């Protein structure tokens, strides 16, 4: 048995330690947000966060996780209560077929956890490893910018409330 930390919870999994994380997420834990795209780490459909860094779960054996924390799209929000990034993707209609979207959102989440301010060039470079075959790249970039603005505004509002207490 291998213990892995997914979305803040420890899970004992019976998979071989060399099994890629993607298969454990989907087959053992029923977390189906991350998708199997290419199996080669070239498309990004399987992107999750490991200690805040975007990684291809199709390439990462669970033995390599150790005590690190894995975050999947399921931790960011729900259909009824989407997180800011998910909400921005919906507002910008950034999904066409939707296959790449979970990976795109997770890669964008990694950026937004580090900074809310970035240039267009930095955003494009950060998102470049993930592919969208439908061609909604411009909407995806707008969604990430929208989410950053929303998150910055929420942070400013919180700071203002705390300052006036």
C-alpha atoms as a PDB file:
ATOM      1  CA  UNK A   1       0.000   0.000   0.000  1.00  0.00           C
ATOM      2  CA  UNK A   2       1.131   3.515  -0.786  1.00  0.00           C
ATOM      3  CA  UNK A   3      -0.149   6.604   1.024  1.00  0.00           C
ATOM      4  CA  UNK A   4      -0.676   9.713  -1.084  1.00  0.00           C
ATOM      5  CA  UNK A   5      -2.094  13.121  -0.171  1.00  0.00           C
ATOM      6  CA  UNK A   6      -4.756  14.272  -2.624  1.00  0.00           C
ATOM      7  CA  UNK A   7      -6.708  17.491  -2.111  1.00  0.00           C
ATOM      8  CA  UNK A   8      -5.802  17.632   1.562  1.00  0.00           C
ATOM      9  CA  UNK A   9      -6.728  14.024   2.354  1.00  0.00           C
ATOM     10  CA  UNK A  10      -4.501  10.990   2.805  1.00  0.00           C
ATOM     11  CA  UNK A  11      -5.387   7.965   0.711  1.00  0.00           C
ATOM     12  CA  UNK A  12      -4.054   4.422   0.940  1.00  0.00           C
ATOM     13  CA  UNK A  13      -3.846   3.057  -2.578  1.00  0.00           C
ATOM     14  CA  UNK A  14      -3.063  -0.471  -3.660  1.00  0.00           C
ATOM     15  CA  UNK A  15      -1.533   0.390  -7.021  1.00  0.00           C
ATOM     16  CA  UNK A  16       2.027  -0.580  -7.852  1.00  0.00           C
ATOM     17  CA  UNK A  17       4.351   2.286  -6.762  1.00  0.00           C
ATOM     18  CA  UNK A  18       5.413   2.775 -10.402  1.00  0.00           C
ATOM     19  CA  UNK A  19       1.813   3.399 -11.508  1.00  0.00           C
ATOM     20  CA  UNK A  20       1.370   6.912 -12.920  1.00  0.00           C
ATOM     21  CA  UNK A  21      -0.614   9.219 -10.674  1.00  0.00           C
ATOM     22  CA  UNK A  22      -3.208   9.789 -13.418  1.00  0.00           C
ATOM     23  CA  UNK A  23      -4.344   6.151 -13.272  1.00  0.00           C
ATOM     24  CA  UNK A  24      -4.594   6.188  -9.489  1.00  0.00           C
ATOM     25  CA  UNK A  25      -6.625   9.406  -9.547  1.00  0.00           C
ATOM     26  CA  UNK A  26      -9.053   8.098 -12.136  1.00  0.00           C
ATOM     27  CA  UNK A  27      -9.213   4.367 -11.401  1.00  0.00           C
ATOM     28  CA  UNK A  28      -8.811   4.136  -7.624  1.00  0.00           C
ATOM     29  CA  UNK A  29     -10.007   7.502  -6.347  1.00  0.00           C
ATOM     30  CA  UNK A  30     -12.684   8.315  -8.976  1.00  0.00           C
ATOM     31  CA  UNK A  31     -11.216  11.792  -9.494  1.00  0.00           C
ATOM     32  CA  UNK A  32     -11.839  12.100 -13.211  1.00  0.00           C
ATOM     33  CA  UNK A  33     -10.991  15.757 -13.826  1.00  0.00           C
ATOM     34  CA  UNK A  34      -7.495  14.996 -15.099  1.00  0.00           C
ATOM     35  CA  UNK A  35      -7.769  13.400 -18.531  1.00  0.00           C
ATOM     36  CA  UNK A  36      -5.624  10.900 -20.419  1.00  0.00           C
ATOM     37  CA  UNK A  37      -4.543  12.734 -23.546  1.00  0.00           C
ATOM     38  CA  UNK A  38      -1.283  11.472 -24.952  1.00  0.00           C
ATOM     39  CA  UNK A  39       0.319   9.546 -22.095  1.00  0.00           C
ATOM     40  CA  UNK A  40       3.634  11.152 -23.051  1.00  0.00           C
ATOM     41  CA  UNK A  41       3.543  14.472 -21.165  1.00  0.00           C
ATOM     42  CA  UNK A  42       3.066  16.422 -24.365  1.00  0.00           C
ATOM     43  CA  UNK A  43      -0.542  17.659 -24.216  1.00  0.00           C
ATOM     44  CA  UNK A  44      -1.221  18.649 -20.594  1.00  0.00           C
ATOM     45  CA  UNK A  45      -4.737  17.197 -20.334  1.00  0.00           C
ATOM     46  CA  UNK A  46      -3.588  15.336 -17.202  1.00  0.00           C
ATOM     47  CA  UNK A  47      -2.073  18.376 -15.433  1.00  0.00           C
ATOM     48  CA  UNK A  48      -2.411  18.508 -11.644  1.00  0.00           C
ATOM     49  CA  UNK A  49      -0.508  20.462  -9.008  1.00  0.00           C
ATOM     50  CA  UNK A  50       2.131  18.868  -6.811  1.00  0.00           C
ATOM     51  CA  UNK A  51       3.081  21.241  -4.011  1.00  0.00           C
ATOM     52  CA  UNK A  52       1.754  24.073  -6.178  1.00  0.00           C
ATOM     53  CA  UNK A  53       3.701  23.152  -9.318  1.00  0.00           C
ATOM     54  CA  UNK A  54       1.948  22.041 -12.503  1.00  0.00           C
ATOM     55  CA  UNK A  55       2.948  18.462 -13.413  1.00  0.00           C
ATOM     56  CA  UNK A  56       1.834  15.856 -15.922  1.00  0.00           C
ATOM     57  CA  UNK A  57       0.165  13.154 -13.859  1.00  0.00           C
ATOM     58  CA  UNK A  58       0.510  10.656 -16.723  1.00  0.00           C
ATOM     59  CA  UNK A  59       4.292  10.643 -16.218  1.00  0.00           C
ATOM     60  CA  UNK A  60       4.562  10.853 -12.420  1.00  0.00           C
ATOM     61  CA  UNK A  61       4.735   7.504 -10.606  1.00  0.00           C
ATOM     62  CA  UNK A  62       3.034   7.570  -7.230  1.00  0.00           C
ATOM     63  CA  UNK A  63       6.293   6.412  -5.624  1.00  0.00           C
ATOM     64  CA  UNK A  64       7.807   9.800  -6.540  1.00  0.00           C
ATOM     65  CA  UNK A  65       5.192  11.717  -4.558  1.00  0.00           C
ATOM     66  CA  UNK A  66       6.386  10.958  -1.057  1.00  0.00           C
ATOM     67  CA  UNK A  67       4.717  13.400   1.336  1.00  0.00           C
ATOM     68  CA  UNK A  68       4.021  16.022  -1.326  1.00  0.00           C
ATOM     69  CA  UNK A  69       0.510  17.397  -1.728  1.00  0.00           C
ATOM     70  CA  UNK A  70      -1.439  16.809  -4.932  1.00  0.00           C
ATOM     71  CA  UNK A  71      -4.223  19.174  -5.942  1.00  0.00           C
ATOM     72  CA  UNK A  72      -6.720  18.240  -8.634  1.00  0.00           C
ATOM     73  CA  UNK A  73      -9.400  20.350 -10.270  1.00  0.00           C
ATOM     74  CA  UNK A  74     -11.966  18.774  -7.951  1.00  0.00           C
ATOM     75  CA  UNK A  75     -10.436  20.814  -5.081  1.00  0.00           C
ATOM     76  CA  UNK A  76     -10.947  24.174  -6.811  1.00  0.00           C
ATOM     77  CA  UNK A  77     -14.738  24.251  -6.750  1.00  0.00           C
ATOM     78  CA  UNK A  78     -17.933  22.535  -7.806  1.00  0.00           C
ATOM     79  CA  UNK A  79     -20.516  23.070 -10.502  1.00  0.00           C
ATOM     80  CA  UNK A  80     -22.744  24.773  -7.922  1.00  0.00           C
ATOM     81  CA  UNK A  81     -19.892  26.812  -6.420  1.00  0.00           C
ATOM     82  CA  UNK A  82     -17.065  27.159  -8.935  1.00  0.00           C
ATOM     83  CA  UNK A  83     -13.779  28.666  -7.851  1.00  0.00           C
ATOM     84  CA  UNK A  84     -12.700  32.023  -9.323  1.00  0.00           C
ATOM     85  CA  UNK A  85     -10.682  30.449 -12.106  1.00  0.00           C
ATOM     86  CA  UNK A  86     -13.414  27.981 -13.031  1.00  0.00           C
ATOM     87  CA  UNK A  87     -15.954  30.816 -12.998  1.00  0.00           C
ATOM     88  CA  UNK A  88     -13.764  32.917 -15.300  1.00  0.00           C
ATOM     89  CA  UNK A  89     -13.427  30.006 -17.741  1.00  0.00           C
ATOM     90  CA  UNK A  90     -17.223  29.732 -17.810  1.00  0.00           C
ATOM     91  CA  UNK A  91     -17.692  33.494 -18.263  1.00  0.00           C
ATOM     92  CA  UNK A  92     -15.226  33.563 -21.159  1.00  0.00           C
ATOM     93  CA  UNK A  93     -16.701  30.370 -22.658  1.00  0.00           C
ATOM     94  CA  UNK A  94     -13.151  29.052 -22.809  1.00  0.00           C
ATOM     95  CA  UNK A  95     -14.163  25.427 -23.320  1.00  0.00           C
ATOM     96  CA  UNK A  96     -15.257  24.032 -26.632  1.00  0.00           C
ATOM     97  CA  UNK A  97     -14.921  20.262 -26.354  1.00  0.00           C
ATOM     98  CA  UNK A  98     -13.703  20.647 -22.750  1.00  0.00           C
ATOM     99  CA  UNK A  99     -11.105  17.894 -22.877  1.00  0.00           C
ATOM    100  CA  UNK A 100      -8.113  20.137 -22.142  1.00  0.00           C
ATOM    101  CA  UNK A 101      -9.858  22.494 -19.730  1.00  0.00           C
ATOM    102  CA  UNK A 102      -9.075  20.778 -16.416  1.00  0.00           C
ATOM    103  CA  UNK A 103      -5.387  20.699 -17.336  1.00  0.00           C
ATOM    104  CA  UNK A 104      -5.497  24.314 -18.520  1.00  0.00           C
ATOM    105  CA  UNK A 105      -7.183  25.412 -15.308  1.00  0.00           C
ATOM    106  CA  UNK A 106      -4.645  23.572 -13.165  1.00  0.00           C
ATOM    107  CA  UNK A 107      -1.706  25.081 -15.070  1.00  0.00           C
ATOM    108  CA  UNK A 108      -3.292  28.541 -14.676  1.00  0.00           C
ATOM    109  CA  UNK A 109      -3.906  27.863 -10.974  1.00  0.00           C
ATOM    110  CA  UNK A 110      -0.192  27.225 -10.498  1.00  0.00           C
ATOM    111  CA  UNK A 111       0.508  30.674 -11.958  1.00  0.00           C
ATOM    112  CA  UNK A 112      -2.186  32.424  -9.922  1.00  0.00           C
ATOM    113  CA  UNK A 113      -0.911  30.863  -6.692  1.00  0.00           C
ATOM    114  CA  UNK A 114       2.426  32.573  -7.344  1.00  0.00           C
ATOM    115  CA  UNK A 115       1.290  35.907  -8.756  1.00  0.00           C
ATOM    116  CA  UNK A 116      -1.784  37.803  -9.848  1.00  0.00           C
ATOM    117  CA  UNK A 117       0.304  40.183 -11.981  1.00  0.00           C
ATOM    118  CA  UNK A 118       1.913  38.981 -15.175  1.00  0.00           C
ATOM    119  CA  UNK A 119       2.527  40.201 -18.671  1.00  0.00           C
ATOM    120  CA  UNK A 120       0.840  38.695 -21.699  1.00  0.00           C
ATOM    121  CA  UNK A 121       4.174  37.153 -22.644  1.00  0.00           C
ATOM    122  CA  UNK A 122       4.582  35.570 -19.197  1.00  0.00           C
ATOM    123  CA  UNK A 123       1.041  34.196 -19.336  1.00  0.00           C
ATOM    124  CA  UNK A 124       1.541  32.722 -22.798  1.00  0.00           C
ATOM    125  CA  UNK A 125       4.872  31.170 -21.806  1.00  0.00           C
ATOM    126  CA  UNK A 126       3.339  29.668 -18.656  1.00  0.00           C
ATOM    127  CA  UNK A 127       0.346  28.189 -20.499  1.00  0.00           C
ATOM    128  CA  UNK A 128       2.339  27.042 -23.560  1.00  0.00           C
ATOM    129  CA  UNK A 129       2.936  23.414 -22.427  1.00  0.00           C
ATOM    130  CA  UNK A 130      -0.808  22.656 -22.452  1.00  0.00           C
ATOM    131  CA  UNK A 131      -2.494  22.111 -25.801  1.00  0.00           C
ATOM    132  CA  UNK A 132      -6.035  22.906 -26.916  1.00  0.00           C
ATOM    133  CA  UNK A 133      -6.992  21.234 -30.153  1.00  0.00           C
ATOM    134  CA  UNK A 134     -10.217  23.233 -30.474  1.00  0.00           C
ATOM    135  CA  UNK A 135      -8.366  26.529 -30.694  1.00  0.00           C
ATOM    136  CA  UNK A 136      -9.866  28.381 -27.725  1.00  0.00           C
ATOM    137  CA  UNK A 137      -6.448  29.696 -26.677  1.00  0.00           C
ATOM    138  CA  UNK A 138      -7.490  33.348 -26.767  1.00  0.00           C
ATOM    139  CA  UNK A 139     -10.522  32.665 -24.560  1.00  0.00           C
ATOM    140  CA  UNK A 140      -8.377  30.662 -22.172  1.00  0.00           C
ATOM    141  CA  UNK A 141      -5.908  33.553 -21.869  1.00  0.00           C
ATOM    142  CA  UNK A 142      -8.797  35.992 -21.283  1.00  0.00           C
ATOM    143  CA  UNK A 143     -10.191  33.684 -18.601  1.00  0.00           C
ATOM    144  CA  UNK A 144      -6.874  33.561 -16.739  1.00  0.00           C
ATOM    145  CA  UNK A 145      -6.582  37.366 -16.896  1.00  0.00           C
ATOM    146  CA  UNK A 146     -10.187  37.720 -15.680  1.00  0.00           C
ATOM    147  CA  UNK A 147      -9.566  35.352 -12.777  1.00  0.00           C
ATOM    148  CA  UNK A 148      -6.412  37.255 -11.801  1.00  0.00           C
ATOM    149  CA  UNK A 149      -8.361  40.536 -11.795  1.00  0.00           C
ATOM    150  CA  UNK A 150     -11.176  38.997  -9.748  1.00  0.00           C
ATOM    151  CA  UNK A 151      -8.734  37.523  -7.242  1.00  0.00           C
ATOM    152  CA  UNK A 152      -6.799  40.808  -6.940  1.00  0.00           C
ATOM    153  CA  UNK A 153     -10.054  42.702  -6.332  1.00  0.00           C
ATOM    154  CA  UNK A 154     -11.123  40.192  -3.674  1.00  0.00           C
ATOM    155  CA  UNK A 155      -7.749  40.493  -1.939  1.00  0.00           C
ATOM    156  CA  UNK A 156      -7.963  44.294  -1.959  1.00  0.00           C
ATOM    157  CA  UNK A 157     -11.494  44.163  -0.585  1.00  0.00           C
ATOM    158  CA  UNK A 158     -10.380  41.843   2.215  1.00  0.00           C
ATOM    159  CA  UNK A 159      -7.416  44.088   3.076  1.00  0.00           C
ATOM    160  CA  UNK A 160      -9.707  47.127   3.107  1.00  0.00           C
ATOM    161  CA  UNK A 161     -12.215  45.402   5.436  1.00  0.00           C
ATOM    162  CA  UNK A 162      -9.409  44.341   7.779  1.00  0.00           C
ATOM    163  CA  UNK A 163      -7.926  47.847   7.804  1.00  0.00           C
ATOM    164  CA  UNK A 164     -11.258  49.444   8.729  1.00  0.00           C
ATOM    165  CA  UNK A 165     -11.983  47.137  11.662  1.00  0.00           C
END
